[in-house]
Amino acid sequence: MHSFICSQISMRMTDRSYFRLMSFDVDYFNNIPKQLKTLEVYYALLNGFAHAKLVEKAGDVMQKMRDLGFSRTPLSYNILLDLYYQMETLTNSMF
């Protein structure tokens, strides 16, 4: 049951339209009980910030994941690297 609830939370957070509605307000995330804030949920939050190109907020989530011992996974680094690449491409195309 616990993993089902975590999966539901993650799917809800992964939905980009949901992130747009919240304007990346983390109130929803902060109200999730601590025992349900699994790696999957942090991935969803990190991925949402990356899709919105919010580098600083994505970095904050990554730091929190490091503090919790969650960040040593290829997926979390891949999300950030992709974000940095997109931002570099966007910056270069402006000039």
PDB file of N, CA and C in Angstrom:
ATOM      1  N   MET A   1       0.829  -1.194   0.000  1.00  0.00           N
ATOM      2  CA  MET A   1       0.000   0.000   0.000  1.00  0.00           C
ATOM      3  C   MET A   1       0.874   1.259   0.000  1.00  0.00           C
ATOM      4  N   HIS A   2       1.960   1.224   0.788  1.00  0.00           N
ATOM      5  CA  HIS A   2       2.861   2.368   0.886  1.00  0.00           C
ATOM      6  C   HIS A   2       3.440   2.721  -0.474  1.00  0.00           C
ATOM      7  N   SER A   3       3.903   1.725  -1.227  1.00  0.00           N
ATOM      8  CA  SER A   3       4.495   2.000  -2.538  1.00  0.00           C
ATOM      9  C   SER A   3       3.439   2.494  -3.527  1.00  0.00           C
ATOM     10  N   PHE A   4       2.207   2.020  -3.386  1.00  0.00           N
ATOM     11  CA  PHE A   4       1.128   2.497  -4.254  1.00  0.00           C
ATOM     12  C   PHE A   4       0.879   3.982  -4.018  1.00  0.00           C
ATOM     13  N   ILE A   5       0.827   4.390  -2.758  1.00  0.00           N
ATOM     14  CA  ILE A   5       0.604   5.800  -2.423  1.00  0.00           C
ATOM     15  C   ILE A   5       1.753   6.652  -2.948  1.00  0.00           C
ATOM     16  N   CYS A   6       2.990   6.198  -2.762  1.00  0.00           N
ATOM     17  CA  CYS A   6       4.152   6.936  -3.273  1.00  0.00           C
ATOM     18  C   CYS A   6       4.096   7.059  -4.785  1.00  0.00           C
ATOM     19  N   SER A   7       3.673   6.004  -5.458  1.00  0.00           N
ATOM     20  CA  SER A   7       3.556   6.041  -6.918  1.00  0.00           C
ATOM     21  C   SER A   7       2.495   7.045  -7.346  1.00  0.00           C
ATOM     22  N   GLN A   8       1.384   7.092  -6.623  1.00  0.00           N
ATOM     23  CA  GLN A   8       0.329   8.043  -6.944  1.00  0.00           C
ATOM     24  C   GLN A   8       0.805   9.485  -6.754  1.00  0.00           C
ATOM     25  N   ILE A   9       1.531   9.725  -5.680  1.00  0.00           N
ATOM     26  CA  ILE A   9       2.082  11.059  -5.424  1.00  0.00           C
ATOM     27  C   ILE A   9       3.052  11.432  -6.535  1.00  0.00           C
ATOM     28  N   SER A  10       3.922  10.517  -6.889  1.00  0.00           N
ATOM     29  CA  SER A  10       4.904  10.767  -7.933  1.00  0.00           C
ATOM     30  C   SER A  10       4.227  11.059  -9.263  1.00  0.00           C
ATOM     31  N   MET A  11       3.212  10.278  -9.624  1.00  0.00           N
ATOM     32  CA  MET A  11       2.514  10.502 -10.892  1.00  0.00           C
ATOM     33  C   MET A  11       1.830  11.866 -10.896  1.00  0.00           C
ATOM     34  N   ARG A  12       1.257  12.246  -9.782  1.00  0.00           N
ATOM     35  CA  ARG A  12       0.588  13.548  -9.710  1.00  0.00           C
ATOM     36  C   ARG A  12       1.602  14.680  -9.863  1.00  0.00           C
ATOM     37  N   MET A  13       2.766  14.527  -9.256  1.00  0.00           N
ATOM     38  CA  MET A  13       3.787  15.561  -9.341  1.00  0.00           C
ATOM     39  C   MET A  13       4.451  15.587 -10.710  1.00  0.00           C
ATOM     40  N   THR A  14       4.463  14.466 -11.393  1.00  0.00           N
ATOM     41  CA  THR A  14       5.090  14.374 -12.701  1.00  0.00           C
ATOM     42  C   THR A  14       4.252  15.047 -13.774  1.00  0.00           C
ATOM     43  N   ASP A  15       2.968  15.114 -13.563  1.00  0.00           N
ATOM     44  CA  ASP A  15       2.068  15.734 -14.526  1.00  0.00           C
ATOM     45  C   ASP A  15       2.426  17.208 -14.673  1.00  0.00           C
ATOM     46  N   ARG A  16       2.937  17.585 -15.821  1.00  0.00           N
ATOM     47  CA  ARG A  16       3.402  18.966 -16.025  1.00  0.00           C
ATOM     48  C   ARG A  16       2.286  19.983 -15.852  1.00  0.00           C
ATOM     49  N   SER A  17       1.069  19.636 -16.249  1.00  0.00           N
ATOM     50  CA  SER A  17      -0.017  20.597 -16.100  1.00  0.00           C
ATOM     51  C   SER A  17      -0.261  20.867 -14.615  1.00  0.00           C
ATOM     52  N   TYR A  18      -0.062  19.872 -13.798  1.00  0.00           N
ATOM     53  CA  TYR A  18      -0.209  20.080 -12.361  1.00  0.00           C
ATOM     54  C   TYR A  18       0.842  21.060 -11.861  1.00  0.00           C
ATOM     55  N   PHE A  19       2.086  20.929 -12.339  1.00  0.00           N
ATOM     56  CA  PHE A  19       3.130  21.866 -11.941  1.00  0.00           C
ATOM     57  C   PHE A  19       2.797  23.276 -12.406  1.00  0.00           C
ATOM     58  N   ARG A  20       2.252  23.410 -13.609  1.00  0.00           N
ATOM     59  CA  ARG A  20       1.897  24.743 -14.102  1.00  0.00           C
ATOM     60  C   ARG A  20       0.809  25.353 -13.233  1.00  0.00           C
ATOM     61  N   LEU A  21      -0.155  24.553 -12.830  1.00  0.00           N
ATOM     62  CA  LEU A  21      -1.226  25.068 -11.981  1.00  0.00           C
ATOM     63  C   LEU A  21      -0.690  25.567 -10.644  1.00  0.00           C
ATOM     64  N   MET A  22       0.324  24.895 -10.146  1.00  0.00           N
ATOM     65  CA  MET A  22       0.886  25.268  -8.848  1.00  0.00           C
ATOM     66  C   MET A  22       1.937  26.356  -8.970  1.00  0.00           C
ATOM     67  N   SER A  23       2.332  26.695 -10.188  1.00  0.00           N
ATOM     68  CA  SER A  23       3.430  27.636 -10.408  1.00  0.00           C
ATOM     69  C   SER A  23       4.659  27.218  -9.602  1.00  0.00           C
ATOM     70  N   PHE A  24       4.867  25.954  -9.556  1.00  0.00           N
ATOM     71  CA  PHE A  24       5.987  25.364  -8.838  1.00  0.00           C
ATOM     72  C   PHE A  24       6.015  25.744  -7.364  1.00  0.00           C
ATOM     73  N   ASP A  25       4.849  25.994  -6.824  1.00  0.00           N
ATOM     74  CA  ASP A  25       4.741  26.193  -5.390  1.00  0.00           C
ATOM     75  C   ASP A  25       4.925  24.822  -4.752  1.00  0.00           C
ATOM     76  N   VAL A  26       5.797  24.734  -3.787  1.00  0.00           N
ATOM     77  CA  VAL A  26       6.113  23.430  -3.212  1.00  0.00           C
ATOM     78  C   VAL A  26       5.241  23.087  -2.006  1.00  0.00           C
ATOM     79  N   ASP A  27       4.143  23.808  -1.839  1.00  0.00           N
ATOM     80  CA  ASP A  27       3.243  23.511  -0.723  1.00  0.00           C
ATOM     81  C   ASP A  27       2.762  22.067  -0.762  1.00  0.00           C
ATOM     82  N   TYR A  28       2.400  21.582  -1.955  1.00  0.00           N
ATOM     83  CA  TYR A  28       1.939  20.200  -2.078  1.00  0.00           C
ATOM     84  C   TYR A  28       3.031  19.244  -1.605  1.00  0.00           C
ATOM     85  N   PHE A  29       4.241  19.478  -2.089  1.00  0.00           N
ATOM     86  CA  PHE A  29       5.357  18.616  -1.713  1.00  0.00           C
ATOM     87  C   PHE A  29       5.600  18.681  -0.205  1.00  0.00           C
ATOM     88  N   ASN A  30       5.579  19.879   0.355  1.00  0.00           N
ATOM     89  CA  ASN A  30       5.843  20.044   1.785  1.00  0.00           C
ATOM     90  C   ASN A  30       4.786  19.393   2.660  1.00  0.00           C
ATOM     91  N   ASN A  31       3.575  19.216   2.127  1.00  0.00           N
ATOM     92  CA  ASN A  31       2.504  18.590   2.901  1.00  0.00           C
ATOM     93  C   ASN A  31       2.480  17.070   2.788  1.00  0.00           C
ATOM     94  N   ILE A  32       3.357  16.520   1.979  1.00  0.00           N
ATOM     95  CA  ILE A  32       3.459  15.060   1.883  1.00  0.00           C
ATOM     96  C   ILE A  32       4.143  14.564   3.152  1.00  0.00           C
ATOM     97  N   PRO A  33       3.572  13.568   3.808  1.00  0.00           N
ATOM     98  CA  PRO A  33       4.217  13.031   5.014  1.00  0.00           C
ATOM     99  C   PRO A  33       5.639  12.563   4.723  1.00  0.00           C
ATOM    100  N   LYS A  34       6.522  12.772   5.682  1.00  0.00           N
ATOM    101  CA  LYS A  34       7.949  12.469   5.505  1.00  0.00           C
ATOM    102  C   LYS A  34       8.185  11.033   5.049  1.00  0.00           C
ATOM    103  N   GLN A  35       7.453  10.089   5.593  1.00  0.00           N
ATOM    104  CA  GLN A  35       7.671   8.684   5.250  1.00  0.00           C
ATOM    105  C   GLN A  35       7.263   8.377   3.806  1.00  0.00           C
ATOM    106  N   LEU A  36       6.506   9.279   3.165  1.00  0.00           N
ATOM    107  CA  LEU A  36       6.101   9.072   1.779  1.00  0.00           C
ATOM    108  C   LEU A  36       6.989   9.822   0.787  1.00  0.00           C
ATOM    109  N   LYS A  37       7.918  10.621   1.282  1.00  0.00           N
ATOM    110  CA  LYS A  37       8.833  11.351   0.399  1.00  0.00           C
ATOM    111  C   LYS A  37       9.985  10.424   0.018  1.00  0.00           C
ATOM    112  N   THR A  38       9.690   9.589  -0.957  1.00  0.00           N
ATOM    113  CA  THR A  38      10.657   8.598  -1.419  1.00  0.00           C
ATOM    114  C   THR A  38      11.495   9.180  -2.560  1.00  0.00           C
ATOM    115  N   LEU A  39      12.455   8.416  -2.996  1.00  0.00           N
ATOM    116  CA  LEU A  39      13.298   8.810  -4.123  1.00  0.00           C
ATOM    117  C   LEU A  39      12.440   9.129  -5.346  1.00  0.00           C
ATOM    118  N   GLU A  40      11.428   8.324  -5.582  1.00  0.00           N
ATOM    119  CA  GLU A  40      10.539   8.520  -6.725  1.00  0.00           C
ATOM    120  C   GLU A  40       9.853   9.890  -6.667  1.00  0.00           C
ATOM    121  N   VAL A  41       9.447  10.318  -5.500  1.00  0.00           N
ATOM    122  CA  VAL A  41       8.783  11.612  -5.326  1.00  0.00           C
ATOM    123  C   VAL A  41       9.777  12.754  -5.554  1.00  0.00           C
ATOM    124  N   TYR A  42      10.995  12.599  -5.035  1.00  0.00           N
ATOM    125  CA  TYR A  42      12.022  13.619  -5.277  1.00  0.00           C
ATOM    126  C   TYR A  42      12.388  13.704  -6.751  1.00  0.00           C
ATOM    127  N   TYR A  43      12.421  12.556  -7.449  1.00  0.00           N
ATOM    128  CA  TYR A  43      12.662  12.578  -8.891  1.00  0.00           C
ATOM    129  C   TYR A  43      11.600  13.416  -9.596  1.00  0.00           C
ATOM    130  N   ALA A  44      10.349  13.223  -9.216  1.00  0.00           N
ATOM    131  CA  ALA A  44       9.251  13.960  -9.847  1.00  0.00           C
ATOM    132  C   ALA A  44       9.406  15.460  -9.629  1.00  0.00           C
ATOM    133  N   LEU A  45       9.774  15.856  -8.423  1.00  0.00           N
ATOM    134  CA  LEU A  45       9.967  17.269  -8.124  1.00  0.00           C
ATOM    135  C   LEU A  45      11.148  17.829  -8.922  1.00  0.00           C
ATOM    136  N   LEU A  46      12.257  17.119  -8.927  1.00  0.00           N
ATOM    137  CA  LEU A  46      13.444  17.542  -9.667  1.00  0.00           C
ATOM    138  C   LEU A  46      13.137  17.645 -11.159  1.00  0.00           C
ATOM    139  N   ASN A  47      12.449  16.668 -11.682  1.00  0.00           N
ATOM    140  CA  ASN A  47      12.099  16.651 -13.095  1.00  0.00           C
ATOM    141  C   ASN A  47      11.159  17.803 -13.448  1.00  0.00           C
ATOM    142  N   GLY A  48      10.231  18.113 -12.583  1.00  0.00           N
ATOM    143  CA  GLY A  48       9.306  19.230 -12.819  1.00  0.00           C
ATOM    144  C   GLY A  48      10.041  20.554 -12.903  1.00  0.00           C
ATOM    145  N   PHE A  49      10.965  20.780 -11.969  1.00  0.00           N
ATOM    146  CA  PHE A  49      11.747  22.012 -12.004  1.00  0.00           C
ATOM    147  C   PHE A  49      12.627  22.066 -13.248  1.00  0.00           C
ATOM    148  N   ALA A  50      13.173  20.923 -13.647  1.00  0.00           N
ATOM    149  CA  ALA A  50      14.020  20.881 -14.838  1.00  0.00           C
ATOM    150  C   ALA A  50      13.208  21.215 -16.091  1.00  0.00           C
ATOM    151  N   HIS A  51      12.004  20.659 -16.199  1.00  0.00           N
ATOM    152  CA  HIS A  51      11.163  20.956 -17.367  1.00  0.00           C
ATOM    153  C   HIS A  51      10.779  22.421 -17.433  1.00  0.00           C
ATOM    154  N   ALA A  52      10.646  23.052 -16.278  1.00  0.00           N
ATOM    155  CA  ALA A  52      10.304  24.478 -16.236  1.00  0.00           C
ATOM    156  C   ALA A  52      11.549  25.353 -16.355  1.00  0.00           C
ATOM    157  N   LYS A  53      12.714  24.704 -16.448  1.00  0.00           N
ATOM    158  CA  LYS A  53      14.009  25.400 -16.563  1.00  0.00           C
ATOM    159  C   LYS A  53      14.285  26.303 -15.364  1.00  0.00           C
ATOM    160  N   LEU A  54      13.925  25.820 -14.185  1.00  0.00           N
ATOM    161  CA  LEU A  54      14.185  26.524 -12.932  1.00  0.00           C
ATOM    162  C   LEU A  54      15.441  25.935 -12.306  1.00  0.00           C
ATOM    163  N   VAL A  55      16.588  26.431 -12.761  1.00  0.00           N
ATOM    164  CA  VAL A  55      17.883  25.859 -12.395  1.00  0.00           C
ATOM    165  C   VAL A  55      18.121  25.915 -10.893  1.00  0.00           C
ATOM    166  N   GLU A  56      17.862  27.064 -10.281  1.00  0.00           N
ATOM    167  CA  GLU A  56      18.148  27.209  -8.852  1.00  0.00           C
ATOM    168  C   GLU A  56      17.287  26.273  -8.010  1.00  0.00           C
ATOM    169  N   LYS A  57      16.004  26.182  -8.344  1.00  0.00           N
ATOM    170  CA  LYS A  57      15.125  25.286  -7.577  1.00  0.00           C
ATOM    171  C   LYS A  57      15.503  23.826  -7.785  1.00  0.00           C
ATOM    172  N   ALA A  58      15.887  23.471  -9.008  1.00  0.00           N
ATOM    173  CA  ALA A  58      16.340  22.103  -9.267  1.00  0.00           C
ATOM    174  C   ALA A  58      17.599  21.808  -8.457  1.00  0.00           C
ATOM    175  N   GLY A  59      18.502  22.791  -8.387  1.00  0.00           N
ATOM    176  CA  GLY A  59      19.719  22.626  -7.592  1.00  0.00           C
ATOM    177  C   GLY A  59      19.416  22.459  -6.115  1.00  0.00           C
ATOM    178  N   ASP A  60      18.415  23.190  -5.623  1.00  0.00           N
ATOM    179  CA  ASP A  60      18.015  23.060  -4.219  1.00  0.00           C
ATOM    180  C   ASP A  60      17.473  21.658  -3.923  1.00  0.00           C
ATOM    181  N   VAL A  61      16.675  21.141  -4.856  1.00  0.00           N
ATOM    182  CA  VAL A  61      16.138  19.786  -4.679  1.00  0.00           C
ATOM    183  C   VAL A  61      17.270  18.771  -4.705  1.00  0.00           C
ATOM    184  N   MET A  62      18.214  18.953  -5.619  1.00  0.00           N
ATOM    185  CA  MET A  62      19.356  18.037  -5.705  1.00  0.00           C
ATOM    186  C   MET A  62      20.157  18.063  -4.402  1.00  0.00           C
ATOM    187  N   GLN A  63      20.349  19.251  -3.829  1.00  0.00           N
ATOM    188  CA  GLN A  63      21.072  19.348  -2.563  1.00  0.00           C
ATOM    189  C   GLN A  63      20.323  18.616  -1.450  1.00  0.00           C
ATOM    190  N   LYS A  64      19.006  18.765  -1.413  1.00  0.00           N
ATOM    191  CA  LYS A  64      18.200  18.061  -0.413  1.00  0.00           C
ATOM    192  C   LYS A  64      18.323  16.553  -0.612  1.00  0.00           C
ATOM    193  N   MET A  65      18.335  16.126  -1.875  1.00  0.00           N
ATOM    194  CA  MET A  65      18.496  14.704  -2.158  1.00  0.00           C
ATOM    195  C   MET A  65      19.864  14.216  -1.690  1.00  0.00           C
ATOM    196  N   ARG A  66      20.898  15.046  -1.878  1.00  0.00           N
ATOM    197  CA  ARG A  66      22.238  14.686  -1.384  1.00  0.00           C
ATOM    198  C   ARG A  66      22.218  14.539   0.132  1.00  0.00           C
ATOM    199  N   ASP A  67      21.577  15.494   0.798  1.00  0.00           N
ATOM    200  CA  ASP A  67      21.498  15.461   2.259  1.00  0.00           C
ATOM    201  C   ASP A  67      20.816  14.196   2.761  1.00  0.00           C
ATOM    202  N   LEU A  68      19.847  13.719   1.989  1.00  0.00           N
ATOM    203  CA  LEU A  68      19.110  12.507   2.363  1.00  0.00           C
ATOM    204  C   LEU A  68      19.770  11.233   1.851  1.00  0.00           C
ATOM    205  N   GLY A  69      20.841  11.380   1.056  1.00  0.00           N
ATOM    206  CA  GLY A  69      21.522  10.213   0.498  1.00  0.00           C
ATOM    207  C   GLY A  69      20.844   9.664  -0.742  1.00  0.00           C
ATOM    208  N   PHE A  70      19.947  10.433  -1.366  1.00  0.00           N
ATOM    209  CA  PHE A  70      19.197   9.990  -2.540  1.00  0.00           C
ATOM    210  C   PHE A  70      19.878  10.299  -3.862  1.00  0.00           C
ATOM    211  N   SER A  71      20.809  11.229  -3.903  1.00  0.00           N
ATOM    212  CA  SER A  71      21.237  11.776  -5.192  1.00  0.00           C
ATOM    213  C   SER A  71      22.284  10.949  -5.930  1.00  0.00           C
ATOM    214  N   ARG A  72      22.788   9.945  -5.376  1.00  0.00           N
ATOM    215  CA  ARG A  72      23.850   9.189  -6.040  1.00  0.00           C
ATOM    216  C   ARG A  72      23.279   8.179  -7.032  1.00  0.00           C
ATOM    217  N   THR A  73      22.442   8.689  -7.903  1.00  0.00           N
ATOM    218  CA  THR A  73      21.851   7.840  -8.929  1.00  0.00           C
ATOM    219  C   THR A  73      22.057   8.488 -10.292  1.00  0.00           C
ATOM    220  N   PRO A  74      22.199   7.677 -11.326  1.00  0.00           N
ATOM    221  CA  PRO A  74      22.374   8.249 -12.661  1.00  0.00           C
ATOM    222  C   PRO A  74      21.203   9.130 -13.102  1.00  0.00           C
ATOM    223  N   LEU A  75      19.984   8.777 -12.722  1.00  0.00           N
ATOM    224  CA  LEU A  75      18.824   9.537 -13.166  1.00  0.00           C
ATOM    225  C   LEU A  75      18.847  10.976 -12.657  1.00  0.00           C
ATOM    226  N   SER A  76      19.166  11.169 -11.379  1.00  0.00           N
ATOM    227  CA  SER A  76      19.171  12.535 -10.840  1.00  0.00           C
ATOM    228  C   SER A  76      20.227  13.389 -11.528  1.00  0.00           C
ATOM    229  N   TYR A  77      21.399  12.826 -11.768  1.00  0.00           N
ATOM    230  CA  TYR A  77      22.446  13.583 -12.466  1.00  0.00           C
ATOM    231  C   TYR A  77      22.071  13.823 -13.931  1.00  0.00           C
ATOM    232  N   ASN A  78      21.427  12.854 -14.552  1.00  0.00           N
ATOM    233  CA  ASN A  78      21.000  13.005 -15.939  1.00  0.00           C
ATOM    234  C   ASN A  78      19.980  14.130 -16.074  1.00  0.00           C
ATOM    235  N   ILE A  79      19.052  14.218 -15.132  1.00  0.00           N
ATOM    236  CA  ILE A  79      18.058  15.288 -15.156  1.00  0.00           C
ATOM    237  C   ILE A  79      18.751  16.644 -15.087  1.00  0.00           C
ATOM    238  N   LEU A  80      19.707  16.788 -14.168  1.00  0.00           N
ATOM    239  CA  LEU A  80      20.406  18.067 -14.027  1.00  0.00           C
ATOM    240  C   LEU A  80      21.282  18.373 -15.239  1.00  0.00           C
ATOM    241  N   LEU A  81      21.998  17.384 -15.735  1.00  0.00           N
ATOM    242  CA  LEU A  81      22.842  17.613 -16.907  1.00  0.00           C
ATOM    243  C   LEU A  81      22.019  18.034 -18.115  1.00  0.00           C
ATOM    244  N   ASP A  82      20.868  17.411 -18.288  1.00  0.00           N
ATOM    245  CA  ASP A  82      19.980  17.785 -19.379  1.00  0.00           C
ATOM    246  C   ASP A  82      19.498  19.226 -19.210  1.00  0.00           C
ATOM    247  N   LEU A  83      19.157  19.605 -17.989  1.00  0.00           N
ATOM    248  CA  LEU A  83      18.730  20.981 -17.708  1.00  0.00           C
ATOM    249  C   LEU A  83      19.849  21.961 -18.035  1.00  0.00           C
ATOM    250  N   TYR A  84      21.052  21.674 -17.576  1.00  0.00           N
ATOM    251  CA  TYR A  84      22.182  22.571 -17.847  1.00  0.00           C
ATOM    252  C   TYR A  84      22.460  22.673 -19.347  1.00  0.00           C
ATOM    253  N   TYR A  85      22.347  21.559 -20.051  1.00  0.00           N
ATOM    254  CA  TYR A  85      22.554  21.571 -21.496  1.00  0.00           C
ATOM    255  C   TYR A  85      21.499  22.444 -22.171  1.00  0.00           C
ATOM    256  N   GLN A  86      20.238  22.268 -21.780  1.00  0.00           N
ATOM    257  CA  GLN A  86      19.160  23.068 -22.359  1.00  0.00           C
ATOM    258  C   GLN A  86      19.370  24.551 -22.095  1.00  0.00           C
ATOM    259  N   MET A  87      19.805  24.888 -20.900  1.00  0.00           N
ATOM    260  CA  MET A  87      20.015  26.293 -20.557  1.00  0.00           C
ATOM    261  C   MET A  87      21.189  26.857 -21.349  1.00  0.00           C
ATOM    262  N   GLU A  88      22.234  26.079 -21.541  1.00  0.00           N
ATOM    263  CA  GLU A  88      23.388  26.525 -22.327  1.00  0.00           C
ATOM    264  C   GLU A  88      22.975  26.729 -23.780  1.00  0.00           C
ATOM    265  N   THR A  89      22.202  25.811 -24.319  1.00  0.00           N
ATOM    266  CA  THR A  89      21.720  25.921 -25.685  1.00  0.00           C
ATOM    267  C   THR A  89      20.832  27.149 -25.838  1.00  0.00           C
ATOM    268  N   LEU A  90      19.956  27.355 -24.871  1.00  0.00           N
ATOM    269  CA  LEU A  90      19.066  28.514 -24.895  1.00  0.00           C
ATOM    270  C   LEU A  90      19.871  29.813 -24.816  1.00  0.00           C
ATOM    271  N   THR A  91      20.849  29.870 -23.938  1.00  0.00           N
ATOM    272  CA  THR A  91      21.688  31.055 -23.781  1.00  0.00           C
ATOM    273  C   THR A  91      22.465  31.341 -25.057  1.00  0.00           C
ATOM    274  N   ASN A  92      23.046  30.316 -25.659  1.00  0.00           N
ATOM    275  CA  ASN A  92      23.821  30.494 -26.892  1.00  0.00           C
ATOM    276  C   ASN A  92      22.963  30.927 -28.071  1.00  0.00           C
ATOM    277  N   SER A  93      21.713  30.487 -28.104  1.00  0.00           N
ATOM    278  CA  SER A  93      20.850  30.840 -29.225  1.00  0.00           C
ATOM    279  C   SER A  93      20.351  32.279 -29.132  1.00  0.00           C
ATOM    280  N   MET A  94      20.506  32.900 -27.982  1.00  0.00           N
ATOM    281  CA  MET A  94      20.055  34.276 -27.807  1.00  0.00           C
ATOM    282  C   MET A  94      21.043  35.270 -28.389  1.00  0.00           C
ATOM    283  N   PHE A  95      22.277  34.847 -28.610  1.00  0.00           N
ATOM    284  CA  PHE A  95      23.313  35.776 -29.083  1.00  0.00           C
ATOM    285  C   PHE A  95      23.705  35.514 -30.496  1.00  0.00           C
TER     286      PHE A  95
END
